[in-house]
PDB file of N, CA and C in Angstrom:
ATOM      1  N   MET A   1      -5.750 -10.519  20.965  1.00  0.00           N
ATOM      2  CA  MET A   1      -6.315 -11.496  20.262  1.00  0.00           C
ATOM      3  C   MET A   1      -6.101 -11.144  18.650  1.00  0.00           C
ATOM      4  N   SER A   2      -5.530 -11.991  17.930  1.00  0.00           N
ATOM      5  CA  SER A   2      -5.284 -11.730  16.583  1.00  0.00           C
ATOM      6  C   SER A   2      -6.382 -12.282  15.625  1.00  0.00           C
ATOM      7  N   THR A   3      -6.715 -11.630  14.591  1.00  0.00           N
ATOM      8  CA  THR A   3      -7.737 -11.898  13.704  1.00  0.00           C
ATOM      9  C   THR A   3      -7.215 -12.808  12.733  1.00  0.00           C
ATOM     10  N   ARG A   4      -7.783 -14.051  12.434  1.00  0.00           N
ATOM     11  CA  ARG A   4      -7.396 -14.970  11.471  1.00  0.00           C
ATOM     12  C   ARG A   4      -8.380 -15.008  10.304  1.00  0.00           C
ATOM     13  N   ASN A   5      -7.928 -14.913   9.033  1.00  0.00           N
ATOM     14  CA  ASN A   5      -8.679 -15.090   7.890  1.00  0.00           C
ATOM     15  C   ASN A   5      -7.873 -15.556   6.854  1.00  0.00           C
ATOM     16  N   ALA A   6      -8.446 -15.841   5.682  1.00  0.00           N
ATOM     17  CA  ALA A   6      -7.831 -16.591   4.602  1.00  0.00           C
ATOM     18  C   ALA A   6      -6.603 -15.817   4.062  1.00  0.00           C
ATOM     19  N   LEU A   7      -6.704 -14.494   4.096  1.00  0.00           N
ATOM     20  CA  LEU A   7      -5.626 -13.641   3.472  1.00  0.00           C
ATOM     21  C   LEU A   7      -4.373 -13.821   4.479  1.00  0.00           C
ATOM     22  N   THR A   8      -4.473 -13.809   5.810  1.00  0.00           N
ATOM     23  CA  THR A   8      -3.349 -13.960   6.636  1.00  0.00           C
ATOM     24  C   THR A   8      -2.837 -15.401   6.964  1.00  0.00           C
ATOM     25  N   THR A   9      -3.771 -16.361   6.734  1.00  0.00           N
ATOM     26  CA  THR A   9      -3.348 -17.742   6.959  1.00  0.00           C
ATOM     27  C   THR A   9      -2.882 -18.350   5.683  1.00  0.00           C
ATOM     28  N   SER A  10      -3.477 -18.097   4.586  1.00  0.00           N
ATOM     29  CA  SER A  10      -2.931 -18.582   3.272  1.00  0.00           C
ATOM     30  C   SER A  10      -3.199 -17.622   2.133  1.00  0.00           C
ATOM     31  N   PRO A  11      -2.314 -16.614   2.127  1.00  0.00           N
ATOM     32  CA  PRO A  11      -2.522 -15.514   1.059  1.00  0.00           C
ATOM     33  C   PRO A  11      -2.166 -16.018  -0.360  1.00  0.00           C
ATOM     34  N   PRO A  12      -2.739 -15.426  -1.345  1.00  0.00           N
ATOM     35  CA  PRO A  12      -2.454 -15.841  -2.791  1.00  0.00           C
ATOM     36  C   PRO A  12      -0.844 -15.724  -2.936  1.00  0.00           C
ATOM     37  N   TYR A  13      -0.275 -16.743  -3.595  1.00  0.00           N
ATOM     38  CA  TYR A  13       1.069 -16.805  -3.804  1.00  0.00           C
ATOM     39  C   TYR A  13       1.747 -15.517  -4.202  1.00  0.00           C
ATOM     40  N   PRO A  14       1.243 -14.841  -5.288  1.00  0.00           N
ATOM     41  CA  PRO A  14       1.963 -13.494  -5.678  1.00  0.00           C
ATOM     42  C   PRO A  14       1.923 -12.605  -4.515  1.00  0.00           C
ATOM     43  N   VAL A  15       0.887 -12.499  -3.782  1.00  0.00           N
ATOM     44  CA  VAL A  15       0.787 -11.518  -2.700  1.00  0.00           C
ATOM     45  C   VAL A  15       1.738 -11.806  -1.492  1.00  0.00           C
ATOM     46  N   GLU A  16       1.916 -13.060  -1.226  1.00  0.00           N
ATOM     47  CA  GLU A  16       2.929 -13.498  -0.329  1.00  0.00           C
ATOM     48  C   GLU A  16       4.309 -13.195  -0.732  1.00  0.00           C
ATOM     49  N   GLN A  17       4.594 -13.495  -1.948  1.00  0.00           N
ATOM     50  CA  GLN A  17       5.982 -13.309  -2.497  1.00  0.00           C
ATOM     51  C   GLN A  17       6.393 -11.753  -2.576  1.00  0.00           C
ATOM     52  N   THR A  18       5.303 -10.942  -2.849  1.00  0.00           N
ATOM     53  CA  THR A  18       5.522  -9.540  -3.001  1.00  0.00           C
ATOM     54  C   THR A  18       5.762  -9.024  -1.668  1.00  0.00           C
ATOM     55  N   ILE A  19       5.016  -9.272  -0.690  1.00  0.00           N
ATOM     56  CA  ILE A  19       5.253  -8.889   0.682  1.00  0.00           C
ATOM     57  C   ILE A  19       6.590  -9.291   1.262  1.00  0.00           C
ATOM     58  N   ARG A  20       6.945 -10.547   0.922  1.00  0.00           N
ATOM     59  CA  ARG A  20       8.268 -10.978   1.395  1.00  0.00           C
ATOM     60  C   ARG A  20       9.412 -10.170   0.723  1.00  0.00           C
ATOM     61  N   GLN A  21       9.192  -9.920  -0.552  1.00  0.00           N
ATOM     62  CA  GLN A  21      10.246  -9.039  -1.112  1.00  0.00           C
ATOM     63  C   GLN A  21      10.336  -7.635  -0.656  1.00  0.00           C
ATOM     64  N   ILE A  22       9.158  -7.028  -0.247  1.00  0.00           N
ATOM     65  CA  ILE A  22       9.119  -5.685   0.266  1.00  0.00           C
ATOM     66  C   ILE A  22       9.913  -5.777   1.668  1.00  0.00           C
ATOM     67  N   GLY A  23       9.585  -6.885   2.354  1.00  0.00           N
ATOM     68  CA  GLY A  23      10.109  -6.989   3.787  1.00  0.00           C
ATOM     69  C   GLY A  23      11.697  -7.075   3.617  1.00  0.00           C
ATOM     70  N   ALA A  24      12.142  -7.979   2.687  1.00  0.00           N
ATOM     71  CA  ALA A  24      13.626  -8.022   2.424  1.00  0.00           C
ATOM     72  C   ALA A  24      14.276  -6.751   1.911  1.00  0.00           C
ATOM     73  N   ASN A  25      13.507  -5.902   1.133  1.00  0.00           N
ATOM     74  CA  ASN A  25      13.998  -4.687   0.702  1.00  0.00           C
ATOM     75  C   ASN A  25      14.121  -3.711   1.904  1.00  0.00           C
ATOM     76  N   LEU A  26      13.044  -3.805   2.762  1.00  0.00           N
ATOM     77  CA  LEU A  26      13.253  -2.863   3.935  1.00  0.00           C
ATOM     78  C   LEU A  26      14.398  -3.287   4.845  1.00  0.00           C
ATOM     79  N   ARG A  27      14.672  -4.533   5.023  1.00  0.00           N
ATOM     80  CA  ARG A  27      15.664  -4.948   5.811  1.00  0.00           C
ATOM     81  C   ARG A  27      17.103  -4.427   5.186  1.00  0.00           C
ATOM     82  N   THR A  28      17.140  -4.582   3.860  1.00  0.00           N
ATOM     83  CA  THR A  28      18.389  -4.180   3.190  1.00  0.00           C
ATOM     84  C   THR A  28      18.529  -2.648   3.402  1.00  0.00           C
ATOM     85  N   ALA A  29      17.463  -1.887   3.344  1.00  0.00           N
ATOM     86  CA  ALA A  29      17.525  -0.557   3.519  1.00  0.00           C
ATOM     87  C   ALA A  29      17.984  -0.070   4.926  1.00  0.00           C
ATOM     88  N   ARG A  30      17.486  -0.912   5.873  1.00  0.00           N
ATOM     89  CA  ARG A  30      17.798  -0.574   7.261  1.00  0.00           C
ATOM     90  C   ARG A  30      19.300  -0.869   7.476  1.00  0.00           C
ATOM     91  N   LEU A  31      19.804  -2.078   7.077  1.00  0.00           N
ATOM     92  CA  LEU A  31      21.118  -2.455   7.165  1.00  0.00           C
ATOM     93  C   LEU A  31      22.112  -1.507   6.519  1.00  0.00           C
ATOM     94  N   ARG A  32      21.824  -0.886   5.305  1.00  0.00           N
ATOM     95  CA  ARG A  32      22.648  -0.040   4.585  1.00  0.00           C
ATOM     96  C   ARG A  32      22.714   1.284   5.364  1.00  0.00           C
ATOM     97  N   ARG A  33      21.795   1.601   6.018  1.00  0.00           N
ATOM     98  CA  ARG A  33      21.709   2.897   6.866  1.00  0.00           C
ATOM     99  C   ARG A  33      22.419   2.622   8.252  1.00  0.00           C
ATOM    100  N   ASN A  34      22.741   1.235   8.487  1.00  0.00           N
ATOM    101  CA  ASN A  34      23.494   0.973   9.754  1.00  0.00           C
ATOM    102  C   ASN A  34      22.490   1.409  11.007  1.00  0.00           C
ATOM    103  N   LEU A  35      21.231   1.039  10.799  1.00  0.00           N
ATOM    104  CA  LEU A  35      20.242   1.273  11.961  1.00  0.00           C
ATOM    105  C   LEU A  35      19.856  -0.037  12.471  1.00  0.00           C
ATOM    106  N   SER A  36      19.675  -0.054  13.935  1.00  0.00           N
ATOM    107  CA  SER A  36      19.223  -1.273  14.587  1.00  0.00           C
ATOM    108  C   SER A  36      17.734  -1.289  14.522  1.00  0.00           C
ATOM    109  N   ILE A  37      17.168  -2.407  14.609  1.00  0.00           N
ATOM    110  CA  ILE A  37      15.732  -2.669  14.767  1.00  0.00           C
ATOM    111  C   ILE A  37      15.087  -1.717  15.739  1.00  0.00           C
ATOM    112  N   GLU A  38      15.741  -1.725  16.974  1.00  0.00           N
ATOM    113  CA  GLU A  38      15.196  -0.874  18.058  1.00  0.00           C
ATOM    114  C   GLU A  38      15.175   0.474  17.670  1.00  0.00           C
ATOM    115  N   HIS A  39      16.247   0.962  17.060  1.00  0.00           N
ATOM    116  CA  HIS A  39      16.259   2.489  16.733  1.00  0.00           C
ATOM    117  C   HIS A  39      15.188   2.883  15.706  1.00  0.00           C
ATOM    118  N   VAL A  40      15.118   2.082  14.815  1.00  0.00           N
ATOM    119  CA  VAL A  40      13.886   2.190  13.741  1.00  0.00           C
ATOM    120  C   VAL A  40      12.475   2.240  14.365  1.00  0.00           C
ATOM    121  N   ALA A  41      12.400   1.325  15.295  1.00  0.00           N
ATOM    122  CA  ALA A  41      11.093   1.098  16.008  1.00  0.00           C
ATOM    123  C   ALA A  41      10.833   2.423  16.826  1.00  0.00           C
ATOM    124  N   GLU A  42      11.788   2.973  17.437  1.00  0.00           N
ATOM    125  CA  GLU A  42      11.699   4.295  18.103  1.00  0.00           C
ATOM    126  C   GLU A  42      11.278   5.339  17.158  1.00  0.00           C
ATOM    127  N   ILE A  43      12.038   5.396  16.031  1.00  0.00           N
ATOM    128  CA  ILE A  43      11.876   6.450  15.131  1.00  0.00           C
ATOM    129  C   ILE A  43      10.331   6.445  14.507  1.00  0.00           C
ATOM    130  N   ILE A  44       9.721   5.319  14.292  1.00  0.00           N
ATOM    131  CA  ILE A  44       8.348   5.214  13.790  1.00  0.00           C
ATOM    132  C   ILE A  44       7.334   5.089  14.860  1.00  0.00           C
ATOM    133  N   GLY A  45       7.827   4.821  16.054  1.00  0.00           N
ATOM    134  CA  GLY A  45       6.830   4.717  17.158  1.00  0.00           C
ATOM    135  C   GLY A  45       6.083   3.412  17.154  1.00  0.00           C
ATOM    136  N   ALA A  46       6.746   2.286  16.743  1.00  0.00           N
ATOM    137  CA  ALA A  46       6.366   1.016  16.774  1.00  0.00           C
ATOM    138  C   ALA A  46       7.225   0.087  17.810  1.00  0.00           C
ATOM    139  N   GLY A  47       6.840  -1.152  17.859  1.00  0.00           N
ATOM    140  CA  GLY A  47       7.686  -2.133  18.654  1.00  0.00           C
ATOM    141  C   GLY A  47       8.599  -2.763  17.808  1.00  0.00           C
ATOM    142  N   SER A  48       9.721  -3.184  18.368  1.00  0.00           N
ATOM    143  CA  SER A  48      10.638  -3.933  17.486  1.00  0.00           C
ATOM    144  C   SER A  48      10.135  -5.208  16.858  1.00  0.00           C
ATOM    145  N   ARG A  49       9.158  -5.766  17.485  1.00  0.00           N
ATOM    146  CA  ARG A  49       8.486  -6.981  17.009  1.00  0.00           C
ATOM    147  C   ARG A  49       7.797  -6.635  15.684  1.00  0.00           C
ATOM    148  N   ALA A  50       7.215  -5.462  15.478  1.00  0.00           N
ATOM    149  CA  ALA A  50       6.515  -5.132  14.258  1.00  0.00           C
ATOM    150  C   ALA A  50       7.524  -4.875  13.209  1.00  0.00           C
ATOM    151  N   ILE A  51       8.586  -4.400  13.524  1.00  0.00           N
ATOM    152  CA  ILE A  51       9.739  -4.285  12.509  1.00  0.00           C
ATOM    153  C   ILE A  51      10.167  -5.577  12.093  1.00  0.00           C
ATOM    154  N   ARG A  52      10.400  -6.431  12.933  1.00  0.00           N
ATOM    155  CA  ARG A  52      10.834  -7.743  12.601  1.00  0.00           C
ATOM    156  C   ARG A  52       9.907  -8.431  11.673  1.00  0.00           C
ATOM    157  N   ALA A  53       8.603  -8.384  11.989  1.00  0.00           N
ATOM    158  CA  ALA A  53       7.469  -8.973  11.240  1.00  0.00           C
ATOM    159  C   ALA A  53       7.465  -8.298   9.775  1.00  0.00           C
ATOM    160  N   ALA A  54       7.565  -7.163   9.745  1.00  0.00           N
ATOM    161  CA  ALA A  54       7.571  -6.331   8.445  1.00  0.00           C
ATOM    162  C   ALA A  54       8.767  -6.875   7.571  1.00  0.00           C
ATOM    163  N   GLU A  55      10.084  -6.890   8.133  1.00  0.00           N
ATOM    164  CA  GLU A  55      11.170  -7.365   7.467  1.00  0.00           C
ATOM    165  C   GLU A  55      11.105  -8.848   7.083  1.00  0.00           C
ATOM    166  N   GLN A  56      10.230  -9.690   7.668  1.00  0.00           N
ATOM    167  CA  GLN A  56      10.003 -11.115   7.307  1.00  0.00           C
ATOM    168  C   GLN A  56       9.009 -11.168   6.373  1.00  0.00           C
ATOM    169  N   GLY A  57       8.245  -9.973   6.016  1.00  0.00           N
ATOM    170  CA  GLY A  57       7.212 -10.013   5.117  1.00  0.00           C
ATOM    171  C   GLY A  57       5.876 -10.701   5.475  1.00  0.00           C
ATOM    172  N   ARG A  58       5.621 -10.616   6.764  1.00  0.00           N
ATOM    173  CA  ARG A  58       4.352 -11.236   7.310  1.00  0.00           C
ATOM    174  C   ARG A  58       3.165 -10.489   6.798  1.00  0.00           C
ATOM    175  N   VAL A  59       2.139 -11.249   6.249  1.00  0.00           N
ATOM    176  CA  VAL A  59       0.923 -10.569   5.713  1.00  0.00           C
ATOM    177  C   VAL A  59       0.149  -9.852   6.786  1.00  0.00           C
ATOM    178  N   SER A  60       0.284 -10.405   7.990  1.00  0.00           N
ATOM    179  CA  SER A  60      -0.566  -9.815   9.056  1.00  0.00           C
ATOM    180  C   SER A  60      -0.101  -8.526   9.617  1.00  0.00           C
ATOM    181  N   THR A  61       1.152  -8.165   9.141  1.00  0.00           N
ATOM    182  CA  THR A  61       1.655  -6.871   9.672  1.00  0.00           C
ATOM    183  C   THR A  61       0.960  -5.654   8.942  1.00  0.00           C
ATOM    184  N   GLY A  62       0.561  -4.693   9.787  1.00  0.00           N
ATOM    185  CA  GLY A  62      -0.279  -3.620   9.280  1.00  0.00           C
ATOM    186  C   GLY A  62       0.526  -2.822   8.215  1.00  0.00           C
ATOM    187  N   VAL A  63      -0.224  -2.379   7.243  1.00  0.00           N
ATOM    188  CA  VAL A  63       0.295  -1.519   6.132  1.00  0.00           C
ATOM    189  C   VAL A  63       0.997  -0.256   6.626  1.00  0.00           C
ATOM    190  N   GLY A  64       0.462   0.214   7.764  1.00  0.00           N
ATOM    191  CA  GLY A  64       1.042   1.486   8.398  1.00  0.00           C
ATOM    192  C   GLY A  64       2.511   1.212   8.874  1.00  0.00           C
ATOM    193  N   VAL A  65       2.906   0.143   9.256  1.00  0.00           N
ATOM    194  CA  VAL A  65       4.185  -0.300   9.672  1.00  0.00           C
ATOM    195  C   VAL A  65       5.065  -0.170   8.337  1.00  0.00           C
ATOM    196  N   TYR A  66       4.595  -0.847   7.288  1.00  0.00           N
ATOM    197  CA  TYR A  66       5.439  -0.732   6.090  1.00  0.00           C
ATOM    198  C   TYR A  66       5.640   0.649   5.485  1.00  0.00           C
ATOM    199  N   ILE A  67       4.581   1.473   5.581  1.00  0.00           N
ATOM    200  CA  ILE A  67       4.698   2.787   5.106  1.00  0.00           C
ATOM    201  C   ILE A  67       5.508   3.639   5.962  1.00  0.00           C
ATOM    202  N   ALA A  68       5.423   3.425   7.257  1.00  0.00           N
ATOM    203  CA  ALA A  68       6.215   4.110   8.143  1.00  0.00           C
ATOM    204  C   ALA A  68       7.621   3.865   8.034  1.00  0.00           C
ATOM    205  N   LEU A  69       8.021   2.568   7.708  1.00  0.00           N
ATOM    206  CA  LEU A  69       9.455   2.164   7.400  1.00  0.00           C
ATOM    207  C   LEU A  69       9.841   2.940   6.178  1.00  0.00           C
ATOM    208  N   LEU A  70       9.140   2.987   5.158  1.00  0.00           N
ATOM    209  CA  LEU A  70       9.437   3.688   3.937  1.00  0.00           C
ATOM    210  C   LEU A  70       9.775   5.051   4.173  1.00  0.00           C
ATOM    211  N   TRP A  71       8.939   5.678   5.079  1.00  0.00           N
ATOM    212  CA  TRP A  71       9.226   7.007   5.376  1.00  0.00           C
ATOM    213  C   TRP A  71      10.585   7.180   6.240  1.00  0.00           C
ATOM    214  N   ALA A  72      10.720   6.357   7.090  1.00  0.00           N
ATOM    215  CA  ALA A  72      11.979   6.386   7.946  1.00  0.00           C
ATOM    216  C   ALA A  72      13.267   6.227   6.983  1.00  0.00           C
ATOM    217  N   TYR A  73      13.152   5.523   6.007  1.00  0.00           N
ATOM    218  CA  TYR A  73      14.305   5.310   5.182  1.00  0.00           C
ATOM    219  C   TYR A  73      14.358   6.131   3.895  1.00  0.00           C
ATOM    220  N   ASP A  74      13.345   7.332   3.892  1.00  0.00           N
ATOM    221  CA  ASP A  74      13.266   8.235   2.920  1.00  0.00           C
ATOM    222  C   ASP A  74      13.008   7.599   1.548  1.00  0.00           C
ATOM    223  N   LEU A  75      12.016   6.594   1.543  1.00  0.00           N
ATOM    224  CA  LEU A  75      11.701   5.935   0.403  1.00  0.00           C
ATOM    225  C   LEU A  75      10.159   6.074   0.085  1.00  0.00           C
ATOM    226  N   LEU A  76       9.548   6.986   0.729  1.00  0.00           N
ATOM    227  CA  LEU A  76       8.031   7.148   0.587  1.00  0.00           C
ATOM    228  C   LEU A  76       7.671   7.602  -0.749  1.00  0.00           C
ATOM    229  N   ASP A  77       8.496   8.612  -1.396  1.00  0.00           N
ATOM    230  CA  ASP A  77       7.894   8.997  -2.791  1.00  0.00           C
ATOM    231  C   ASP A  77       7.602   8.021  -3.794  1.00  0.00           C
ATOM    232  N   PRO A  78       8.469   6.897  -3.953  1.00  0.00           N
ATOM    233  CA  PRO A  78       8.063   5.898  -4.964  1.00  0.00           C
ATOM    234  C   PRO A  78       6.905   5.036  -4.517  1.00  0.00           C
ATOM    235  N   ALA A  79       6.666   5.012  -3.227  1.00  0.00           N
ATOM    236  CA  ALA A  79       5.408   4.352  -2.713  1.00  0.00           C
ATOM    237  C   ALA A  79       4.137   5.099  -3.260  1.00  0.00           C
ATOM    238  N   LEU A  80       4.102   6.300  -3.415  1.00  0.00           N
ATOM    239  CA  LEU A  80       2.975   7.084  -3.929  1.00  0.00           C
ATOM    240  C   LEU A  80       2.495   6.671  -5.269  1.00  0.00           C
ATOM    241  N   GLU A  81       3.363   6.009  -6.064  1.00  0.00           N
ATOM    242  CA  GLU A  81       2.957   5.574  -7.401  1.00  0.00           C
ATOM    243  C   GLU A  81       2.038   4.118  -7.192  1.00  0.00           C
ATOM    244  N   LEU A  82       2.063   3.580  -6.001  1.00  0.00           N
ATOM    245  CA  LEU A  82       1.268   2.321  -5.882  1.00  0.00           C
ATOM    246  C   LEU A  82      -0.154   2.703  -6.188  1.00  0.00           C
ATOM    247  N   ALA A  83      -0.916   2.023  -6.944  1.00  0.00           N
ATOM    248  CA  ALA A  83      -2.243   2.178  -7.267  1.00  0.00           C
ATOM    249  C   ALA A  83      -2.570   3.612  -7.728  1.00  0.00           C
ATOM    250  N   ASP A  84      -1.733   4.148  -8.330  1.00  0.00           N
ATOM    251  CA  ASP A  84      -1.870   5.587  -9.053  1.00  0.00           C
ATOM    252  C   ASP A  84      -3.052   5.333 -10.099  1.00  0.00           C
ATOM    253  N   PRO A  85      -4.213   6.137  -9.860  1.00  0.00           N
ATOM    254  CA  PRO A  85      -5.193   6.023 -10.791  1.00  0.00           C
ATOM    255  C   PRO A  85      -4.797   6.389 -12.238  1.00  0.00           C
ATOM    256  N   GLY A  86      -3.851   7.248 -12.400  1.00  0.00           N
ATOM    257  CA  GLY A  86      -3.474   7.661 -13.631  1.00  0.00           C
ATOM    258  C   GLY A  86      -2.590   6.518 -14.524  1.00  0.00           C
ATOM    259  N   LYS A  87      -2.035   5.565 -13.785  1.00  0.00           N
ATOM    260  CA  LYS A  87      -1.420   4.506 -14.332  1.00  0.00           C
ATOM    261  C   LYS A  87      -2.053   3.301 -14.385  1.00  0.00           C
ATOM    262  N   ASP A  88      -3.458   3.208 -13.988  1.00  0.00           N
ATOM    263  CA  ASP A  88      -4.242   2.089 -14.105  1.00  0.00           C
ATOM    264  C   ASP A  88      -4.912   1.864 -15.431  1.00  0.00           C
ATOM    265  N   GLU A  89      -4.097   1.192 -16.208  1.00  0.00           N
ATOM    266  CA  GLU A  89      -4.612   0.959 -17.692  1.00  0.00           C
ATOM    267  C   GLU A  89      -5.898   0.282 -17.747  1.00  0.00           C
ATOM    268  N   THR A  90      -6.098  -0.759 -16.929  1.00  0.00           N
ATOM    269  CA  THR A  90      -7.336  -1.447 -17.057  1.00  0.00           C
ATOM    270  C   THR A  90      -8.492  -0.630 -16.521  1.00  0.00           C
ATOM    271  N   GLY A  91      -8.292   0.113 -15.399  1.00  0.00           N
ATOM    272  CA  GLY A  91      -9.376   1.017 -15.038  1.00  0.00           C
ATOM    273  C   GLY A  91      -9.661   2.181 -16.005  1.00  0.00           C
ATOM    274  N   LEU A  92      -8.621   2.719 -16.492  1.00  0.00           N
ATOM    275  CA  LEU A  92      -8.880   3.797 -17.558  1.00  0.00           C
ATOM    276  C   LEU A  92      -9.525   3.278 -18.735  1.00  0.00           C
ATOM    277  N   SER A  93      -9.216   1.991 -19.222  1.00  0.00           N
ATOM    278  CA  SER A  93      -9.981   1.367 -20.359  1.00  0.00           C
ATOM    279  C   SER A  93     -11.437   1.303 -19.966  1.00  0.00           C
ATOM    280  N   TYR A  94     -11.840   0.869 -18.789  1.00  0.00           N
ATOM    281  CA  TYR A  94     -13.139   0.722 -18.344  1.00  0.00           C
ATOM    282  C   TYR A  94     -13.825   2.105 -18.424  1.00  0.00           C
ATOM    283  N   LEU A  95     -13.047   3.093 -17.866  1.00  0.00           N
ATOM    284  CA  LEU A  95     -13.662   4.401 -17.829  1.00  0.00           C
ATOM    285  C   LEU A  95     -13.939   4.893 -19.245  1.00  0.00           C
ATOM    286  N   ALA A  96     -13.097   4.750 -20.144  1.00  0.00           N
ATOM    287  CA  ALA A  96     -13.291   5.172 -21.535  1.00  0.00           C
ATOM    288  C   ALA A  96     -14.404   4.481 -22.134  1.00  0.00           C
ATOM    289  N   GLU A  97     -14.608   3.190 -21.843  1.00  0.00           N
ATOM    290  CA  GLU A  97     -15.893   2.591 -22.352  1.00  0.00           C
ATOM    291  C   GLU A  97     -17.242   3.148 -21.851  1.00  0.00           C
ATOM    292  N   LYS A  98     -17.147   3.667 -20.628  1.00  0.00           N
ATOM    293  CA  LYS A  98     -18.335   4.260 -20.153  1.00  0.00           C
ATOM    294  C   LYS A  98     -18.545   5.774 -20.337  1.00  0.00           C
ATOM    295  N   GLU A  99     -17.698   6.380 -20.989  1.00  0.00           N
ATOM    296  CA  GLU A  99     -17.793   7.768 -21.268  1.00  0.00           C
ATOM    297  C   GLU A  99     -18.876   7.976 -22.345  1.00  0.00           C
ATOM    298  N   ARG A 100     -19.629   9.112 -22.316  1.00  0.00           N
ATOM    299  CA  ARG A 100     -20.727   9.389 -23.164  1.00  0.00           C
ATOM    300  C   ARG A 100     -20.034   9.714 -24.543  1.00  0.00           C
ATOM    301  N   GLN A 101     -20.593   9.247 -25.605  1.00  0.00           N
ATOM    302  CA  GLN A 101     -20.119   9.657 -26.935  1.00  0.00           C
ATOM    303  C   GLN A 101     -20.692  10.931 -27.483  1.00  0.00           C
ATOM    304  N   ARG A 102     -21.846  11.355 -26.823  1.00  0.00           N
ATOM    305  CA  ARG A 102     -22.382  12.711 -27.289  1.00  0.00           C
ATOM    306  C   ARG A 102     -23.220  13.259 -26.172  1.00  0.00           C
ATOM    307  N   ALA A 103     -23.285  14.530 -26.281  1.00  0.00           N
ATOM    308  CA  ALA A 103     -24.075  15.264 -25.161  1.00  0.00           C
ATOM    309  C   ALA A 103     -25.442  15.332 -25.538  1.00  0.00           C
ATOM    310  N   ARG A 104     -26.364  15.368 -24.466  1.00  0.00           N
ATOM    311  CA  ARG A 104     -27.822  15.368 -24.739  1.00  0.00           C
ATOM    312  C   ARG A 104     -28.260  16.864 -24.401  1.00  0.00           C
ATOM    313  N   ASN A 105     -29.373  17.201 -24.956  1.00  0.00           N
ATOM    314  CA  ASN A 105     -29.985  18.545 -24.687  1.00  0.00           C
ATOM    315  C   ASN A 105     -30.331  18.483 -23.078  1.00  0.00           C
ATOM    316  N   ARG A 106     -30.099  19.668 -22.575  1.00  0.00           N
ATOM    317  CA  ARG A 106     -30.418  19.771 -21.112  1.00  0.00           C
ATOM    318  C   ARG A 106     -31.742  20.432 -21.139  1.00  0.00           C
ATOM    319  N   THR A 107     -32.579  19.907 -20.187  1.00  0.00           N
ATOM    320  CA  THR A 107     -33.922  20.450 -20.007  1.00  0.00           C
ATOM    321  C   THR A 107     -33.816  21.532 -18.879  1.00  0.00           C
ATOM    322  N   ILE A 108     -34.448  22.623 -18.964  1.00  0.00           N
ATOM    323  CA  ILE A 108     -34.474  23.653 -18.094  1.00  0.00           C
ATOM    324  C   ILE A 108     -35.454  23.405 -16.917  1.00  0.00           C
ATOM    325  N   LEU A 109     -34.989  23.409 -15.734  1.00  0.00           N
ATOM    326  CA  LEU A 109     -35.865  23.119 -14.682  1.00  0.00           C
ATOM    327  C   LEU A 109     -36.388  24.439 -14.093  1.00  0.00           C
ATOM    328  N   ASP A 110     -37.624  24.502 -13.643  1.00  0.00           N
ATOM    329  CA  ASP A 110     -38.095  25.656 -12.938  1.00  0.00           C
ATOM    330  C   ASP A 110     -38.422  25.407 -11.543  1.00  0.00           C
ATOM    331  N   ASN A 111     -38.797  26.428 -10.762  1.00  0.00           N
ATOM    332  CA  ASN A 111     -39.194  26.049  -9.410  1.00  0.00           C
ATOM    333  C   ASN A 111     -40.627  26.141  -9.234  1.00  0.00           C
ATOM    334  N   ASP A 112     -41.361  26.090 -10.281  1.00  0.00           N
ATOM    335  CA  ASP A 112     -42.902  25.980 -10.215  1.00  0.00           C
ATOM    336  C   ASP A 112     -43.340  24.666  -9.820  1.00  0.00           C
ATOM    337  N   PHE A 113     -43.861  24.419  -8.631  1.00  0.00           N
ATOM    338  CA  PHE A 113     -44.273  23.249  -8.094  1.00  0.00           C
ATOM    339  C   PHE A 113     -45.772  23.144  -7.997  1.00  0.00           C
TER     340      PHE A 113
END
């Protein structure tokens, strides 16, 4: 039984287009390596249906399939840059706003209850 939700039935357009492009890129990588869908499925331990779904850019395909395909094609290193906290300019600017501007005096705690 598959789970239906708004993301899988009608994803935001940029999300859908990005996943489709990733799928197309994975298909190109497979074909350039002259690998069959069945062989790649065997390598990553998935079914050929999952490989086809990933190459079609289906939103419902698990992220594990996409990451495993990147691994199989030796393309995993660039994927590590996805959501890299060091490159999150918006998140870093929020963090900078919350940083204390000065230190406060520490109070010494004792064990006298």
